[in-house]
Protein backbone atom coordinates (compact mmCIF):
# COMPACT_ATOMS: atom_id res chain seq x y z
CA UNK A 1 60.29 52.27 -15.79
CA UNK A 2 58.45 49.03 -16.47
CA UNK A 3 57.69 47.55 -19.87
CA UNK A 4 54.02 48.42 -19.39
CA UNK A 5 54.83 52.08 -18.74
CA UNK A 6 57.08 52.20 -21.81
CA UNK A 7 54.19 50.81 -23.85
CA UNK A 8 51.99 53.67 -22.70
CA UNK A 9 54.37 56.14 -24.33
CA UNK A 10 53.00 55.09 -27.71
CA UNK A 11 50.09 57.43 -26.99
CA UNK A 12 52.33 60.48 -27.42
CA UNK A 13 53.16 59.61 -31.05
CA UNK A 14 49.90 60.17 -33.02
CA UNK A 15 50.02 63.96 -32.75
CA UNK A 16 53.59 64.48 -34.05
CA UNK A 17 53.13 61.78 -36.70
CA UNK A 18 50.02 63.52 -38.03
CA UNK A 19 51.84 66.88 -37.94
CA UNK A 20 54.79 65.42 -39.85
CA UNK A 21 52.49 63.84 -42.43
CA UNK A 22 50.73 67.16 -43.06
CA UNK A 23 54.00 69.13 -43.18
CA UNK A 24 55.67 66.67 -45.55
CA UNK A 25 52.58 66.47 -47.77
CA UNK A 26 52.43 70.23 -47.96
CA UNK A 27 56.15 70.37 -48.64
CA UNK A 28 55.69 67.95 -51.52
CA UNK A 29 52.79 69.94 -53.03
CA UNK A 30 53.68 73.58 -52.22
CA UNK A 31 57.40 73.35 -51.62
CA UNK A 32 56.91 75.09 -48.25
CA UNK A 33 57.74 73.62 -44.85
CA UNK A 34 57.89 75.52 -41.54
CA UNK A 35 61.47 74.46 -40.81
CA UNK A 36 64.36 74.33 -43.25
CA UNK A 37 65.65 71.01 -41.97
CA UNK A 38 62.44 69.34 -43.20
CA UNK A 39 63.05 70.33 -46.81
CA UNK A 40 63.21 67.27 -49.04
CA UNK A 41 65.82 69.09 -51.14
CA UNK A 42 68.42 68.31 -48.44
CA UNK A 43 68.04 64.60 -49.21
CA UNK A 44 65.99 61.77 -47.82
CA UNK A 45 68.77 60.71 -45.41
CA UNK A 46 68.81 64.12 -43.74
CA UNK A 47 65.03 64.17 -43.60
CA UNK A 48 64.91 60.69 -42.04
CA UNK A 49 67.48 61.61 -39.38
CA UNK A 50 65.56 64.76 -38.45
CA UNK A 51 62.20 62.96 -38.34
CA UNK A 52 63.61 60.24 -36.07
CA UNK A 53 65.23 62.88 -33.84
CA UNK A 54 61.96 64.84 -33.59
CA UNK A 55 59.97 61.73 -32.68
CA UNK A 56 62.63 60.68 -30.16
CA UNK A 57 62.53 64.11 -28.52
CA UNK A 58 58.75 63.95 -28.35
CA UNK A 59 58.80 60.50 -26.72
CA UNK A 60 61.50 61.67 -24.28
CA UNK A 61 59.37 64.68 -23.32
CA UNK A 62 56.38 62.38 -22.82
CA UNK A 63 58.49 60.11 -20.59
CA UNK A 64 59.60 63.09 -18.50
CA UNK A 65 56.03 64.28 -18.05
CA UNK A 66 54.93 60.74 -17.16
CA UNK A 67 57.77 60.36 -14.63
CA UNK A 68 57.07 63.77 -13.12
CA UNK A 69 53.42 62.82 -12.64
CA UNK A 70 54.50 59.85 -10.53
CA UNK A 71 56.80 61.74 -8.19
CA UNK A 72 56.30 64.57 -5.78
CA UNK A 73 53.78 65.24 -3.02
CA UNK A 74 50.60 64.87 -5.12
CA UNK A 75 51.64 61.43 -6.37
CA UNK A 76 52.49 60.33 -2.83
CA UNK A 77 49.04 61.35 -1.56
CA UNK A 78 47.16 59.67 -4.41
CA UNK A 79 48.94 56.34 -3.91
CA UNK A 80 47.12 55.85 -0.63
CA UNK A 81 43.69 56.23 -2.26
CA UNK A 82 41.76 53.53 -4.01
CA UNK A 83 41.45 54.04 -7.75
CA UNK A 84 38.33 51.93 -8.18
CA UNK A 85 35.04 53.63 -8.81
CA UNK A 86 31.73 52.62 -7.37
CA UNK A 87 33.08 50.89 -4.30
CA UNK A 88 30.84 51.11 -1.27
CA UNK A 89 33.59 51.96 1.21
CA UNK A 90 33.36 54.91 3.54
CA UNK A 91 34.23 58.21 1.91
CA UNK A 92 33.91 56.91 -1.62
CA UNK A 93 30.77 58.88 -2.34
CA UNK A 94 28.83 55.73 -3.05
CA UNK A 95 25.92 54.29 -1.07
CA UNK A 96 26.80 52.88 2.31
C-alpha cells in the first residue's frame, strides 16, 4: 500500500465520526446510547479506548474493501483500459 492509497482511507472516516458525535450528544442529553460500552458512566478512558477501536476497525474494513477492489479478475481486466475520458482513440466512444 502506498502513502497515497493510505491517504485515501481518510474518506471512510466522516460517516463513523458523525455517527459517534450524534450518539455521544444523545447520550449526554438523554442518557441513552445504543451500546453499553459507549456509556460515559464507564469513564472517559474507557470511552476513548472504544472510540479509537471503532474508528480503527472502520479504517481496517475500508482498507480491506479497497485492497479487494484492486485484486481479482475484474481489476486485472480494467488495468489494461485507459481511464481518461474524452480521448479520441478507437473504441472510446468519442469522435474518430
